[in-house]
Amino acid sequence: MRVRRLLGIGWGRLALMTARDRLHALVDQLDDAAAEQLLATAVGMVPMPRSAPGQLPAFVGAFASGRTDVSERAEEILRDELGSTPDP
């Protein structure tokens, strides 16, 4: 098998490698120019995610509370969340 010769490994180790592992090992042996060519080909093989045009990823805004005074209210927030009482 050509891949086995290119990787310089025995049949036993090759049998344990997934196609992804073999691909990684081959890519590691490429020079920068060949890697660029392979990257251009691989990008065309990966399907684009299906999202509405202009739609932001779901995590955007996950930390938006609508409050702008969070740092000023830090002790109050911690008391509310941790259930402790303020120090006298």
Protein backbone atom coordinates (compact mmCIF):
# COMPACT_ATOMS: atom_id res chain seq x y z
CA MET A 1 0.00 0.00 0.00
CA ARG A 2 1.38 3.38 -1.00
CA VAL A 3 0.29 5.11 2.23
CA ARG A 4 2.22 2.60 4.31
CA ARG A 5 5.37 3.29 2.30
CA LEU A 6 4.86 7.06 2.48
CA LEU A 7 4.38 6.95 6.23
CA GLY A 8 7.18 4.43 6.76
CA ILE A 9 5.14 2.28 9.14
CA GLY A 10 4.33 -1.40 9.38
CA TRP A 11 1.05 -3.09 8.54
CA GLY A 12 0.12 -3.53 12.20
CA ARG A 13 0.29 0.16 13.00
CA LEU A 14 -1.42 1.12 9.75
CA ALA A 15 -4.31 -1.22 10.59
CA LEU A 16 -4.85 0.66 13.86
CA MET A 17 -4.92 4.09 12.21
CA THR A 18 -8.16 5.67 11.09
CA ALA A 19 -8.37 7.40 7.73
CA ARG A 20 -8.21 10.71 9.60
CA ASP A 21 -5.00 9.61 11.39
CA ARG A 22 -3.42 8.56 8.10
CA LEU A 23 -4.42 11.87 6.51
CA HIS A 24 -2.90 13.83 9.40
CA ALA A 25 0.34 11.88 9.10
CA LEU A 26 0.53 12.56 5.36
CA VAL A 27 -0.25 16.26 5.74
CA ASP A 28 2.55 16.58 8.29
CA GLN A 29 4.98 15.53 5.56
CA LEU A 30 3.88 18.22 3.06
CA ASP A 31 5.86 21.37 2.37
CA ASP A 32 4.06 24.73 2.67
CA ALA A 33 3.22 25.00 -1.04
CA ALA A 34 1.68 21.54 -1.17
CA ALA A 35 -0.20 22.23 2.08
CA GLU A 36 -1.71 25.37 0.49
CA GLN A 37 -2.90 23.35 -2.51
CA LEU A 38 -4.39 20.66 -0.32
CA LEU A 39 -6.08 23.28 1.87
CA ALA A 40 -7.74 24.85 -1.18
CA THR A 41 -9.06 21.44 -2.21
CA ALA A 42 -10.20 20.50 1.30
CA VAL A 43 -12.08 23.77 1.82
CA GLY A 44 -14.18 22.95 -1.23
CA MET A 45 -15.05 19.55 0.23
CA VAL A 46 -16.41 20.82 3.55
CA PRO A 47 -20.10 21.80 3.48
CA MET A 48 -20.96 25.29 4.65
CA PRO A 49 -23.12 25.48 7.78
CA ARG A 50 -26.76 26.21 7.10
CA SER A 51 -27.72 29.48 8.72
CA ALA A 52 -29.86 32.38 7.71
CA PRO A 53 -27.97 35.20 5.98
CA GLY A 54 -26.73 37.69 8.55
CA GLN A 55 -27.70 35.45 11.46
CA LEU A 56 -25.23 35.58 14.35
CA PRO A 57 -24.07 32.41 16.12
CA ALA A 58 -26.27 31.31 19.03
CA PHE A 59 -23.70 32.23 21.70
CA VAL A 60 -23.71 35.91 20.76
CA GLY A 61 -25.45 37.84 23.51
CA ALA A 62 -25.42 34.93 25.94
CA PHE A 63 -23.93 37.12 28.64
CA ALA A 64 -26.01 40.21 27.97
CA SER A 65 -28.04 41.00 31.07
CA GLY A 66 -29.25 44.39 29.93
CA ARG A 67 -27.64 45.96 32.99
CA THR A 68 -24.66 48.27 32.60
CA ASP A 69 -23.83 48.64 36.31
CA VAL A 70 -22.71 45.05 36.91
CA SER A 71 -19.30 45.98 38.36
CA GLU A 72 -20.92 48.48 40.72
CA ARG A 73 -23.39 45.82 41.86
CA ALA A 74 -20.86 42.97 42.22
CA GLU A 75 -21.34 42.51 45.98
CA GLU A 76 -25.12 42.60 45.66
CA ILE A 77 -25.04 40.05 42.83
CA LEU A 78 -22.75 37.73 44.80
CA ARG A 79 -24.99 37.97 47.87
CA ASP A 80 -28.03 37.11 45.76
CA GLU A 81 -26.31 34.20 44.04
CA LEU A 82 -24.48 32.75 47.05
CA GLY A 83 -27.23 33.45 49.56
CA SER A 84 -25.03 35.15 52.14
CA THR A 85 -25.79 38.21 54.17
CA PRO A 86 -23.73 41.42 54.01
CA ASP A 87 -20.97 41.96 56.54
CA PRO A 88 -21.83 44.52 59.26
